[in-house]
């Protein structure tokens, strides 16, 4: 039993068991790095929104955050890379 516990504890976060424990297939492909990257992107968007809002006389709509698995989807527009501030076409 102890060996089984050790083996399960050492499984990677993207293993089928870890995905099932976190809530199912919606978490598939989301490892620690993906969650951290989404958190960084959301924090930068929130910070940019706050900075623009402070320096603007009109109300700026809140940013569209990266949806995380297991969170209810917010209704609204879809975020595209081309819609992001500072987006440039890729050299082709």
C-alpha atoms as a PDB file:
ATOM      1  CA  UNK A   1       0.000   0.000   0.000  1.00  0.00           C
ATOM      2  CA  UNK A   2       2.826   2.382   0.821  1.00  0.00           C
ATOM      3  CA  UNK A   3       4.512   1.682  -2.520  1.00  0.00           C
ATOM      4  CA  UNK A   4       1.239   2.341  -4.354  1.00  0.00           C
ATOM      5  CA  UNK A   5       0.876   5.669  -2.551  1.00  0.00           C
ATOM      6  CA  UNK A   6       4.441   6.597  -3.514  1.00  0.00           C
ATOM      7  CA  UNK A   7       3.857   5.670  -7.157  1.00  0.00           C
ATOM      8  CA  UNK A   8       0.623   7.660  -7.356  1.00  0.00           C
ATOM      9  CA  UNK A   9       2.194  10.674  -5.660  1.00  0.00           C
ATOM     10  CA  UNK A  10       5.017  10.706  -8.225  1.00  0.00           C
ATOM     11  CA  UNK A  11       2.678  10.730 -11.248  1.00  0.00           C
ATOM     12  CA  UNK A  12       2.979  13.847 -13.421  1.00  0.00           C
ATOM     13  CA  UNK A  13       0.231  16.455 -13.220  1.00  0.00           C
ATOM     14  CA  UNK A  14      -0.861  15.632 -16.769  1.00  0.00           C
ATOM     15  CA  UNK A  15      -1.443  11.923 -16.087  1.00  0.00           C
ATOM     16  CA  UNK A  16      -4.935  10.508 -16.577  1.00  0.00           C
ATOM     17  CA  UNK A  17      -5.317   9.938 -12.832  1.00  0.00           C
ATOM     18  CA  UNK A  18      -4.330  13.509 -11.964  1.00  0.00           C
ATOM     19  CA  UNK A  19      -6.691  14.863 -14.627  1.00  0.00           C
ATOM     20  CA  UNK A  20      -9.541  12.699 -13.295  1.00  0.00           C
ATOM     21  CA  UNK A  21      -8.895  13.830  -9.708  1.00  0.00           C
ATOM     22  CA  UNK A  22      -8.944  17.511 -10.761  1.00  0.00           C
ATOM     23  CA  UNK A  23     -12.309  17.169 -12.464  1.00  0.00           C
ATOM     24  CA  UNK A  24     -12.103  15.328 -15.766  1.00  0.00           C
ATOM     25  CA  UNK A  25     -11.208  15.934 -19.373  1.00  0.00           C
ATOM     26  CA  UNK A  26     -11.635  19.724 -19.208  1.00  0.00           C
ATOM     27  CA  UNK A  27      -8.348  19.760 -17.262  1.00  0.00           C
ATOM     28  CA  UNK A  28      -6.520  17.610 -19.817  1.00  0.00           C
ATOM     29  CA  UNK A  29      -3.407  19.387 -21.063  1.00  0.00           C
ATOM     30  CA  UNK A  30      -3.355  21.874 -18.196  1.00  0.00           C
ATOM     31  CA  UNK A  31      -0.217  21.350 -16.167  1.00  0.00           C
ATOM     32  CA  UNK A  32       1.262  23.677 -13.557  1.00  0.00           C
ATOM     33  CA  UNK A  33       2.996  25.729 -16.247  1.00  0.00           C
ATOM     34  CA  UNK A  34      -0.231  26.306 -18.178  1.00  0.00           C
ATOM     35  CA  UNK A  35      -2.060  27.479 -15.043  1.00  0.00           C
ATOM     36  CA  UNK A  36       0.816  29.816 -14.134  1.00  0.00           C
ATOM     37  CA  UNK A  37       1.009  31.223 -17.657  1.00  0.00           C
ATOM     38  CA  UNK A  38      -2.750  31.864 -17.676  1.00  0.00           C
ATOM     39  CA  UNK A  39      -2.451  33.573 -14.281  1.00  0.00           C
ATOM     40  CA  UNK A  40       0.366  35.806 -15.568  1.00  0.00           C
ATOM     41  CA  UNK A  41      -1.595  36.748 -18.698  1.00  0.00           C
ATOM     42  CA  UNK A  42      -4.696  37.543 -16.619  1.00  0.00           C
ATOM     43  CA  UNK A  43      -2.653  39.615 -14.157  1.00  0.00           C
ATOM     44  CA  UNK A  44      -1.027  41.621 -16.956  1.00  0.00           C
ATOM     45  CA  UNK A  45      -4.421  42.237 -18.556  1.00  0.00           C
ATOM     46  CA  UNK A  46      -5.915  43.365 -15.242  1.00  0.00           C
ATOM     47  CA  UNK A  47      -2.933  45.632 -14.536  1.00  0.00           C
ATOM     48  CA  UNK A  48      -3.074  47.157 -18.022  1.00  0.00           C
ATOM     49  CA  UNK A  49      -6.813  47.730 -17.641  1.00  0.00           C
ATOM     50  CA  UNK A  50      -6.304  49.461 -14.293  1.00  0.00           C
ATOM     51  CA  UNK A  51      -3.557  51.684 -15.712  1.00  0.00           C
ATOM     52  CA  UNK A  52      -5.617  52.689 -18.746  1.00  0.00           C
ATOM     53  CA  UNK A  53      -8.722  53.227 -16.612  1.00  0.00           C
ATOM     54  CA  UNK A  54      -6.889  55.545 -14.210  1.00  0.00           C
ATOM     55  CA  UNK A  55      -5.570  57.649 -17.086  1.00  0.00           C
ATOM     56  CA  UNK A  56      -8.840  57.808 -19.016  1.00  0.00           C
ATOM     57  CA  UNK A  57     -11.851  60.027 -18.537  1.00  0.00           C
ATOM     58  CA  UNK A  58     -14.255  57.453 -19.922  1.00  0.00           C
ATOM     59  CA  UNK A  59     -15.044  53.990 -18.622  1.00  0.00           C
ATOM     60  CA  UNK A  60     -12.928  51.264 -20.205  1.00  0.00           C
ATOM     61  CA  UNK A  61     -14.545  47.817 -20.502  1.00  0.00           C
ATOM     62  CA  UNK A  62     -12.840  45.140 -18.413  1.00  0.00           C
ATOM     63  CA  UNK A  63     -10.456  42.785 -20.209  1.00  0.00           C
ATOM     64  CA  UNK A  64     -11.389  39.308 -21.353  1.00  0.00           C
ATOM     65  CA  UNK A  65      -9.446  36.950 -19.144  1.00  0.00           C
ATOM     66  CA  UNK A  66      -8.039  33.587 -20.173  1.00  0.00           C
ATOM     67  CA  UNK A  67     -10.659  31.014 -19.130  1.00  0.00           C
ATOM     68  CA  UNK A  68      -9.389  28.331 -16.769  1.00  0.00           C
ATOM     69  CA  UNK A  69     -10.765  24.791 -16.775  1.00  0.00           C
ATOM     70  CA  UNK A  70     -13.459  24.194 -14.215  1.00  0.00           C
ATOM     71  CA  UNK A  71     -14.515  27.832 -14.056  1.00  0.00           C
ATOM     72  CA  UNK A  72     -17.888  28.779 -15.494  1.00  0.00           C
ATOM     73  CA  UNK A  73     -17.628  30.392 -18.908  1.00  0.00           C
ATOM     74  CA  UNK A  74     -18.305  34.096 -19.028  1.00  0.00           C
ATOM     75  CA  UNK A  75     -20.580  35.150 -21.791  1.00  0.00           C
ATOM     76  CA  UNK A  76     -19.181  37.810 -24.019  1.00  0.00           C
ATOM     77  CA  UNK A  77     -16.984  38.211 -26.986  1.00  0.00           C
ATOM     78  CA  UNK A  78     -14.230  35.839 -27.975  1.00  0.00           C
ATOM     79  CA  UNK A  79     -10.674  37.011 -27.457  1.00  0.00           C
ATOM     80  CA  UNK A  80      -8.488  36.829 -30.552  1.00  0.00           C
ATOM     81  CA  UNK A  81      -4.785  37.559 -30.681  1.00  0.00           C
ATOM     82  CA  UNK A  82      -5.424  40.180 -33.370  1.00  0.00           C
ATOM     83  CA  UNK A  83      -7.700  42.061 -30.932  1.00  0.00           C
ATOM     84  CA  UNK A  84      -5.022  42.368 -28.246  1.00  0.00           C
ATOM     85  CA  UNK A  85      -3.310  45.738 -27.814  1.00  0.00           C
ATOM     86  CA  UNK A  86      -0.010  45.856 -29.637  1.00  0.00           C
ATOM     87  CA  UNK A  87      -0.790  42.841 -31.812  1.00  0.00           C
ATOM     88  CA  UNK A  88       1.153  42.807 -35.041  1.00  0.00           C
ATOM     89  CA  UNK A  89       0.851  40.530 -38.037  1.00  0.00           C
ATOM     90  CA  UNK A  90       3.382  37.737 -38.038  1.00  0.00           C
ATOM     91  CA  UNK A  91       6.182  38.026 -40.567  1.00  0.00           C
ATOM     92  CA  UNK A  92       5.237  35.784 -43.350  1.00  0.00           C
END
